[in-house]
Amino acid sequence: METLHVMSLNGISDKIQPVIYEAMKTCCNEKRLCVGGYFISELSDSDHSLEKIKEILSKIFPPSVPRGNTPDTYKDFAATAIRQYFNFETGSVRDGKIKEDERLWYNIEYGYWRNTQRGNSYALRILREQGIIISKRGIIQNP
């Protein structure tokens, strides 16, 4: 296990970016999206635009599983690697396939999304499964 020390969750620093990038190599896009959202979870709602999510996700997005796409090779990265997951989940709630409290993300306003508490917990579990422990201000977040 590798422990990453962070002071806040307002982005992915250059120091931890290579470690997170490496850990995401075997993860699907949904997991990558949760992890990216976790690392910006302390930003204000106004900093959760699709552009900001795309920016943070691009930092930790190795070639996708199984096709090998990168943010630059997707026809529309934001639509394929971000919005489709938000839209699918929203439709699943609307259709009664999942409950509102099972969501990983919630819509703040048009074009702005955040991880739910469940989404952040899922991100921490993903990181632990990938051999990464997060220590925020000296407190282990995913024991």
N, C-alpha and C. Protein backbone atom coordinates (compact mmCIF):
# COMPACT_ATOMS: atom_id res chain seq x y z
N MET A 1 0.84 -1.19 0.00
CA MET A 1 0.00 0.00 0.00
C MET A 1 0.88 1.25 0.00
N GLU A 2 0.43 2.24 -0.73
CA GLU A 2 1.11 3.53 -0.75
C GLU A 2 0.18 4.57 -0.14
N THR A 3 0.71 5.38 0.76
CA THR A 3 -0.08 6.43 1.39
C THR A 3 0.21 7.76 0.71
N LEU A 4 -0.88 8.42 0.27
CA LEU A 4 -0.77 9.76 -0.32
C LEU A 4 -1.26 10.76 0.72
N HIS A 5 -0.46 11.76 0.97
CA HIS A 5 -0.79 12.77 1.96
C HIS A 5 -1.32 14.01 1.24
N VAL A 6 -2.53 14.42 1.62
CA VAL A 6 -3.14 15.62 1.05
C VAL A 6 -3.60 16.53 2.18
N MET A 7 -3.61 17.80 1.92
CA MET A 7 -4.11 18.76 2.90
C MET A 7 -5.58 19.09 2.63
N SER A 8 -5.95 19.06 1.37
CA SER A 8 -7.34 19.37 1.02
C SER A 8 -7.70 18.64 -0.27
N LEU A 9 -8.98 18.64 -0.55
CA LEU A 9 -9.49 17.97 -1.75
C LEU A 9 -9.99 19.04 -2.73
N ASN A 10 -9.02 19.79 -3.26
CA ASN A 10 -9.35 20.86 -4.20
C ASN A 10 -8.61 20.70 -5.53
N GLY A 11 -8.25 19.46 -5.84
CA GLY A 11 -7.57 19.16 -7.09
C GLY A 11 -6.57 18.04 -6.90
N ILE A 12 -5.87 17.71 -7.96
CA ILE A 12 -4.85 16.67 -7.91
C ILE A 12 -3.51 17.34 -8.15
N SER A 13 -2.69 17.34 -7.11
CA SER A 13 -1.40 18.00 -7.21
C SER A 13 -0.46 17.22 -8.13
N ASP A 14 0.54 17.92 -8.63
CA ASP A 14 1.54 17.29 -9.49
C ASP A 14 2.26 16.16 -8.75
N LYS A 15 2.34 16.26 -7.43
CA LYS A 15 3.04 15.26 -6.62
C LYS A 15 2.31 13.92 -6.61
N ILE A 16 0.97 13.95 -6.51
CA ILE A 16 0.22 12.69 -6.42
C ILE A 16 -0.34 12.23 -7.77
N GLN A 17 -0.35 13.11 -8.76
CA GLN A 17 -0.95 12.79 -10.06
C GLN A 17 -0.40 11.51 -10.68
N PRO A 18 0.92 11.31 -10.72
CA PRO A 18 1.42 10.08 -11.37
C PRO A 18 0.97 8.80 -10.65
N VAL A 19 0.84 8.86 -9.34
CA VAL A 19 0.42 7.68 -8.58
C VAL A 19 -1.04 7.36 -8.87
N ILE A 20 -1.89 8.38 -8.89
CA ILE A 20 -3.32 8.17 -9.19
C ILE A 20 -3.48 7.70 -10.63
N TYR A 21 -2.75 8.31 -11.55
CA TYR A 21 -2.80 7.92 -12.96
C TYR A 21 -2.48 6.43 -13.11
N GLU A 22 -1.40 5.99 -12.47
CA GLU A 22 -0.99 4.59 -12.54
C GLU A 22 -2.07 3.67 -11.97
N ALA A 23 -2.66 4.08 -10.85
CA ALA A 23 -3.69 3.26 -10.20
C ALA A 23 -4.94 3.14 -11.05
N MET A 24 -5.21 4.11 -11.90
CA MET A 24 -6.43 4.10 -12.71
C MET A 24 -6.30 3.26 -13.98
N LYS A 25 -5.13 2.71 -14.24
CA LYS A 25 -4.90 1.96 -15.49
C LYS A 25 -5.86 0.79 -15.67
N THR A 26 -6.24 0.13 -14.60
CA THR A 26 -7.13 -1.03 -14.72
C THR A 26 -8.57 -0.71 -14.35
N CYS A 27 -8.88 0.56 -14.13
CA CYS A 27 -10.23 0.96 -13.72
C CYS A 27 -11.07 1.39 -14.92
N CYS A 28 -12.36 1.13 -14.82
CA CYS A 28 -13.30 1.59 -15.85
C CYS A 28 -13.51 3.10 -15.69
N ASN A 29 -14.11 3.70 -16.69
CA ASN A 29 -14.32 5.14 -16.69
C ASN A 29 -15.20 5.61 -15.54
N GLU A 30 -16.20 4.83 -15.15
CA GLU A 30 -17.06 5.20 -14.03
C GLU A 30 -16.24 5.34 -12.75
N LYS A 31 -15.34 4.41 -12.51
CA LYS A 31 -14.50 4.48 -11.31
C LYS A 31 -13.57 5.68 -11.38
N ARG A 32 -13.01 5.94 -12.55
CA ARG A 32 -12.13 7.09 -12.72
C ARG A 32 -12.89 8.39 -12.43
N LEU A 33 -14.12 8.44 -12.88
CA LEU A 33 -14.95 9.63 -12.67
C LEU A 33 -15.21 9.85 -11.18
N CYS A 34 -15.49 8.79 -10.45
CA CYS A 34 -15.69 8.91 -8.99
C CYS A 34 -14.43 9.39 -8.29
N VAL A 35 -13.29 8.81 -8.67
CA VAL A 35 -12.02 9.20 -8.05
C VAL A 35 -11.71 10.66 -8.35
N GLY A 36 -11.89 11.07 -9.60
CA GLY A 36 -11.66 12.47 -9.95
C GLY A 36 -12.56 13.40 -9.17
N GLY A 37 -13.83 13.03 -9.04
CA GLY A 37 -14.78 13.83 -8.26
C GLY A 37 -14.41 13.92 -6.80
N TYR A 38 -13.87 12.84 -6.25
CA TYR A 38 -13.44 12.86 -4.85
C TYR A 38 -12.36 13.91 -4.63
N PHE A 39 -11.41 13.98 -5.55
CA PHE A 39 -10.29 14.90 -5.36
C PHE A 39 -10.65 16.37 -5.55
N ILE A 40 -11.88 16.66 -5.97
CA ILE A 40 -12.33 18.06 -6.02
C ILE A 40 -13.54 18.27 -5.10
N SER A 41 -13.75 17.37 -4.19
CA SER A 41 -14.97 17.41 -3.37
C SER A 41 -15.03 18.58 -2.39
N GLU A 42 -13.92 19.24 -2.11
CA GLU A 42 -13.95 20.39 -1.21
C GLU A 42 -14.04 21.72 -1.95
N LEU A 43 -14.10 21.67 -3.27
CA LEU A 43 -14.29 22.91 -4.04
C LEU A 43 -15.74 23.35 -3.93
N SER A 44 -15.97 24.62 -4.14
CA SER A 44 -17.34 25.15 -4.12
C SER A 44 -18.15 24.59 -5.29
N ASP A 45 -19.45 24.65 -5.15
CA ASP A 45 -20.34 24.16 -6.22
C ASP A 45 -20.00 24.78 -7.57
N SER A 46 -19.63 26.06 -7.56
CA SER A 46 -19.35 26.75 -8.83
C SER A 46 -18.10 26.21 -9.52
N ASP A 47 -17.31 25.41 -8.82
CA ASP A 47 -16.12 24.81 -9.41
C ASP A 47 -16.33 23.37 -9.85
N HIS A 48 -17.58 22.96 -10.00
CA HIS A 48 -17.90 21.60 -10.42
C HIS A 48 -18.55 21.56 -11.79
N SER A 49 -18.08 22.45 -12.66
CA SER A 49 -18.59 22.46 -14.03
C SER A 49 -18.06 21.24 -14.78
N LEU A 50 -18.71 20.91 -15.87
CA LEU A 50 -18.22 19.81 -16.71
C LEU A 50 -16.79 20.07 -17.18
N GLU A 51 -16.46 21.32 -17.43
CA GLU A 51 -15.09 21.66 -17.86
C GLU A 51 -14.09 21.34 -16.77
N LYS A 52 -14.40 21.68 -15.52
CA LYS A 52 -13.51 21.39 -14.41
C LYS A 52 -13.39 19.88 -14.20
N ILE A 53 -14.51 19.18 -14.29
CA ILE A 53 -14.48 17.72 -14.15
C ILE A 53 -13.63 17.12 -15.26
N LYS A 54 -13.80 17.60 -16.47
CA LYS A 54 -13.01 17.12 -17.61
C LYS A 54 -11.52 17.37 -17.37
N GLU A 55 -11.19 18.54 -16.87
CA GLU A 55 -9.80 18.90 -16.58
C GLU A 55 -9.18 17.95 -15.55
N ILE A 56 -9.88 17.70 -14.46
CA ILE A 56 -9.35 16.85 -13.40
C ILE A 56 -9.29 15.40 -13.85
N LEU A 57 -10.32 14.95 -14.56
CA LEU A 57 -10.35 13.57 -15.03
C LEU A 57 -9.23 13.31 -16.04
N SER A 58 -8.94 14.28 -16.88
CA SER A 58 -7.88 14.12 -17.88
C SER A 58 -6.52 13.87 -17.23
N LYS A 59 -6.30 14.39 -16.03
CA LYS A 59 -5.04 14.21 -15.33
C LYS A 59 -4.81 12.77 -14.88
N ILE A 60 -5.90 12.04 -14.66
CA ILE A 60 -5.78 10.68 -14.10
C ILE A 60 -6.33 9.63 -15.05
N PHE A 61 -6.36 9.94 -16.34
CA PHE A 61 -7.03 9.10 -17.33
C PHE A 61 -6.04 8.41 -18.26
N PRO A 62 -5.51 7.24 -17.84
CA PRO A 62 -4.68 6.48 -18.77
C PRO A 62 -5.55 5.89 -19.88
N PRO A 63 -4.95 5.30 -20.90
CA PRO A 63 -5.77 4.70 -21.95
C PRO A 63 -6.88 3.82 -21.37
N SER A 64 -8.07 4.00 -21.90
CA SER A 64 -9.25 3.34 -21.35
C SER A 64 -9.20 1.82 -21.52
N VAL A 65 -9.95 1.18 -20.64
CA VAL A 65 -10.11 -0.27 -20.68
C VAL A 65 -11.43 -0.53 -21.40
N PRO A 66 -11.55 -1.30 -22.43
CA PRO A 66 -10.53 -2.09 -23.10
C PRO A 66 -10.01 -1.46 -24.39
N ARG A 67 -10.56 -0.34 -24.83
CA ARG A 67 -10.24 0.18 -26.17
C ARG A 67 -8.97 1.01 -26.26
N GLY A 68 -8.47 1.48 -25.15
CA GLY A 68 -7.23 2.25 -25.17
C GLY A 68 -7.38 3.71 -25.54
N ASN A 69 -8.61 4.25 -25.41
CA ASN A 69 -8.80 5.66 -25.72
C ASN A 69 -8.22 6.55 -24.63
N THR A 70 -7.74 7.70 -25.04
CA THR A 70 -7.27 8.74 -24.12
C THR A 70 -8.21 9.94 -24.26
N PRO A 71 -8.12 10.92 -23.36
CA PRO A 71 -8.98 12.09 -23.52
C PRO A 71 -8.88 12.73 -24.90
N ASP A 72 -7.71 12.65 -25.52
CA ASP A 72 -7.51 13.26 -26.84
C ASP A 72 -8.04 12.41 -27.99
N THR A 73 -8.23 11.11 -27.78
CA THR A 73 -8.66 10.26 -28.89
C THR A 73 -10.16 9.96 -28.89
N TYR A 74 -10.86 10.29 -27.81
CA TYR A 74 -12.32 10.16 -27.84
C TYR A 74 -12.88 11.18 -28.82
N LYS A 75 -13.93 10.81 -29.51
CA LYS A 75 -14.59 11.76 -30.40
C LYS A 75 -15.12 12.93 -29.57
N ASP A 76 -15.73 12.64 -28.42
CA ASP A 76 -16.20 13.66 -27.50
C ASP A 76 -15.98 13.13 -26.08
N PHE A 77 -14.83 13.46 -25.52
CA PHE A 77 -14.44 12.94 -24.20
C PHE A 77 -15.48 13.25 -23.13
N ALA A 78 -15.95 14.50 -23.08
CA ALA A 78 -16.91 14.88 -22.05
C ALA A 78 -18.20 14.08 -22.16
N ALA A 79 -18.65 13.84 -23.37
CA ALA A 79 -19.90 13.09 -23.56
C ALA A 79 -19.72 11.62 -23.21
N THR A 80 -18.62 11.04 -23.64
CA THR A 80 -18.41 9.60 -23.49
C THR A 80 -17.92 9.20 -22.11
N ALA A 81 -17.00 9.95 -21.55
CA ALA A 81 -16.38 9.56 -20.29
C ALA A 81 -16.97 10.27 -19.08
N ILE A 82 -17.86 11.22 -19.29
CA ILE A 82 -18.42 11.95 -18.15
C ILE A 82 -19.94 11.97 -18.21
N ARG A 83 -20.49 12.72 -19.15
CA ARG A 83 -21.95 12.93 -19.17
C ARG A 83 -22.75 11.65 -19.29
N GLN A 84 -22.25 10.66 -20.03
CA GLN A 84 -23.04 9.44 -20.19
C GLN A 84 -23.30 8.77 -18.84
N TYR A 85 -22.35 8.85 -17.91
CA TYR A 85 -22.53 8.23 -16.60
C TYR A 85 -23.52 9.02 -15.76
N PHE A 86 -23.43 10.34 -15.82
CA PHE A 86 -24.40 11.18 -15.10
C PHE A 86 -25.80 10.95 -15.65
N ASN A 87 -25.92 10.95 -16.97
CA ASN A 87 -27.23 10.77 -17.60
C ASN A 87 -27.81 9.38 -17.35
N PHE A 88 -26.97 8.35 -17.42
CA PHE A 88 -27.44 6.98 -17.18
C PHE A 88 -27.96 6.85 -15.75
N GLU A 89 -27.21 7.38 -14.81
CA GLU A 89 -27.64 7.28 -13.41
C GLU A 89 -28.93 8.06 -13.19
N THR A 90 -29.04 9.24 -13.74
CA THR A 90 -30.26 10.04 -13.61
C THR A 90 -31.45 9.29 -14.18
N GLY A 91 -31.28 8.67 -15.34
CA GLY A 91 -32.35 7.89 -15.94
C GLY A 91 -32.70 6.67 -15.10
N SER A 92 -31.71 6.05 -14.51
CA SER A 92 -31.95 4.88 -13.66
C SER A 92 -32.75 5.25 -12.42
N VAL A 93 -32.50 6.42 -11.86
CA VAL A 93 -33.29 6.89 -10.71
C VAL A 93 -34.72 7.16 -11.18
N ARG A 94 -34.84 7.88 -12.27
CA ARG A 94 -36.16 8.23 -12.81
C ARG A 94 -36.99 6.98 -13.11
N ASP A 95 -36.33 5.93 -13.62
CA ASP A 95 -37.02 4.69 -13.98
C ASP A 95 -37.18 3.72 -12.82
N GLY A 96 -36.72 4.11 -11.64
CA GLY A 96 -36.86 3.27 -10.46
C GLY A 96 -35.88 2.11 -10.39
N LYS A 97 -34.84 2.14 -11.21
CA LYS A 97 -33.85 1.05 -11.19
C LYS A 97 -32.87 1.19 -10.03
N ILE A 98 -32.61 2.41 -9.62
CA ILE A 98 -31.84 2.66 -8.41
C ILE A 98 -32.55 3.73 -7.59
N LYS A 99 -32.30 3.72 -6.30
CA LYS A 99 -32.90 4.72 -5.41
C LYS A 99 -32.05 5.97 -5.37
N GLU A 100 -32.68 7.07 -5.05
CA GLU A 100 -31.98 8.36 -4.98
C GLU A 100 -30.76 8.27 -4.06
N ASP A 101 -30.88 7.57 -2.95
CA ASP A 101 -29.76 7.49 -2.01
C ASP A 101 -28.66 6.53 -2.45
N GLU A 102 -28.83 5.91 -3.61
CA GLU A 102 -27.81 5.03 -4.17
C GLU A 102 -26.97 5.73 -5.24
N ARG A 103 -27.26 6.98 -5.49
CA ARG A 103 -26.55 7.73 -6.52
C ARG A 103 -25.09 7.94 -6.16
N LEU A 104 -24.25 8.01 -7.19
CA LEU A 104 -22.84 8.36 -7.00
C LEU A 104 -22.61 9.85 -7.23
N TRP A 105 -23.49 10.48 -8.00
CA TRP A 105 -23.35 11.89 -8.34
C TRP A 105 -24.69 12.60 -8.20
N TYR A 106 -24.62 13.90 -7.97
CA TYR A 106 -25.84 14.70 -8.02
C TYR A 106 -25.60 15.97 -8.81
N ASN A 107 -26.67 16.43 -9.42
CA ASN A 107 -26.64 17.60 -10.28
C ASN A 107 -26.91 18.84 -9.45
N ILE A 108 -25.96 19.76 -9.42
CA ILE A 108 -26.11 21.00 -8.68
C ILE A 108 -27.01 21.95 -9.46
N GLU A 109 -26.68 22.09 -10.72
CA GLU A 109 -27.45 22.87 -11.69
C GLU A 109 -27.00 22.41 -13.06
N TYR A 110 -27.61 22.90 -14.08
CA TYR A 110 -27.29 22.44 -15.44
C TYR A 110 -25.78 22.55 -15.68
N GLY A 111 -25.15 21.40 -15.99
CA GLY A 111 -23.74 21.37 -16.32
C GLY A 111 -22.80 21.31 -15.13
N TYR A 112 -23.34 21.20 -13.92
CA TYR A 112 -22.52 21.15 -12.71
C TYR A 112 -22.90 19.92 -11.89
N TRP A 113 -21.88 19.10 -11.58
CA TRP A 113 -22.10 17.84 -10.90
C TRP A 113 -21.09 17.63 -9.78
N ARG A 114 -21.52 16.93 -8.74
CA ARG A 114 -20.65 16.57 -7.62
C ARG A 114 -20.84 15.10 -7.29
N ASN A 115 -19.82 14.52 -6.66
CA ASN A 115 -19.99 13.20 -6.07
C ASN A 115 -20.93 13.34 -4.87
N THR A 116 -21.75 12.33 -4.66
CA THR A 116 -22.52 12.24 -3.42
C THR A 116 -21.56 11.70 -2.35
N GLN A 117 -22.02 11.63 -1.12
CA GLN A 117 -21.21 11.01 -0.07
C GLN A 117 -20.91 9.56 -0.44
N ARG A 118 -21.90 8.90 -1.00
CA ARG A 118 -21.72 7.51 -1.45
C ARG A 118 -20.66 7.45 -2.56
N GLY A 119 -20.67 8.42 -3.46
CA GLY A 119 -19.67 8.47 -4.53
C GLY A 119 -18.27 8.66 -3.97
N ASN A 120 -18.13 9.52 -2.96
CA ASN A 120 -16.82 9.72 -2.34
C ASN A 120 -16.36 8.47 -1.60
N SER A 121 -17.27 7.79 -0.92
CA SER A 121 -16.92 6.54 -0.23
C SER A 121 -16.48 5.48 -1.25
N TYR A 122 -17.19 5.43 -2.36
CA TYR A 122 -16.85 4.50 -3.43
C TYR A 122 -15.45 4.81 -3.98
N ALA A 123 -15.15 6.10 -4.18
CA ALA A 123 -13.84 6.51 -4.67
C ALA A 123 -12.73 6.07 -3.71
N LEU A 124 -12.96 6.23 -2.42
CA LEU A 124 -11.96 5.80 -1.44
C LEU A 124 -11.77 4.28 -1.46
N ARG A 125 -12.85 3.56 -1.65
CA ARG A 125 -12.77 2.09 -1.75
C ARG A 125 -11.98 1.68 -3.01
N ILE A 126 -12.25 2.37 -4.11
CA ILE A 126 -11.52 2.09 -5.36
C ILE A 126 -10.02 2.33 -5.14
N LEU A 127 -9.68 3.45 -4.54
CA LEU A 127 -8.27 3.77 -4.31
C LEU A 127 -7.62 2.71 -3.43
N ARG A 128 -8.32 2.29 -2.38
CA ARG A 128 -7.77 1.25 -1.50
C ARG A 128 -7.55 -0.05 -2.29
N GLU A 129 -8.53 -0.41 -3.10
CA GLU A 129 -8.39 -1.63 -3.92
C GLU A 129 -7.20 -1.54 -4.87
N GLN A 130 -6.83 -0.33 -5.24
CA GLN A 130 -5.70 -0.10 -6.14
C GLN A 130 -4.39 0.10 -5.36
N GLY A 131 -4.44 -0.09 -4.04
CA GLY A 131 -3.24 -0.01 -3.22
C GLY A 131 -2.87 1.37 -2.75
N ILE A 132 -3.86 2.27 -2.71
CA ILE A 132 -3.60 3.66 -2.30
C ILE A 132 -4.42 4.00 -1.06
N ILE A 133 -3.71 4.50 -0.05
CA ILE A 133 -4.33 5.01 1.17
C ILE A 133 -4.27 6.53 1.08
N ILE A 134 -5.36 7.18 1.43
CA ILE A 134 -5.40 8.65 1.44
C ILE A 134 -5.35 9.13 2.88
N SER A 135 -4.37 9.97 3.16
CA SER A 135 -4.24 10.61 4.48
C SER A 135 -4.50 12.10 4.25
N LYS A 136 -5.60 12.58 4.79
CA LYS A 136 -5.95 13.99 4.66
C LYS A 136 -5.71 14.67 6.01
N ARG A 137 -4.78 15.61 5.99
CA ARG A 137 -4.39 16.31 7.21
C ARG A 137 -4.03 15.33 8.32
N GLY A 138 -3.37 14.23 7.94
CA GLY A 138 -2.90 13.26 8.91
C GLY A 138 -3.92 12.21 9.33
N ILE A 139 -5.12 12.24 8.77
CA ILE A 139 -6.15 11.28 9.13
C ILE A 139 -6.41 10.37 7.93
N ILE A 140 -6.27 9.06 8.15
CA ILE A 140 -6.50 8.09 7.09
C ILE A 140 -7.98 8.11 6.71
N GLN A 141 -8.25 8.27 5.43
CA GLN A 141 -9.62 8.38 4.93
C GLN A 141 -10.20 7.04 4.51
N ASN A 142 -9.34 6.10 4.15
CA ASN A 142 -9.82 4.80 3.66
C ASN A 142 -9.03 3.66 4.31
N PRO A 143 -9.27 3.46 5.64
CA PRO A 143 -8.51 2.44 6.38
C PRO A 143 -8.78 1.03 5.85
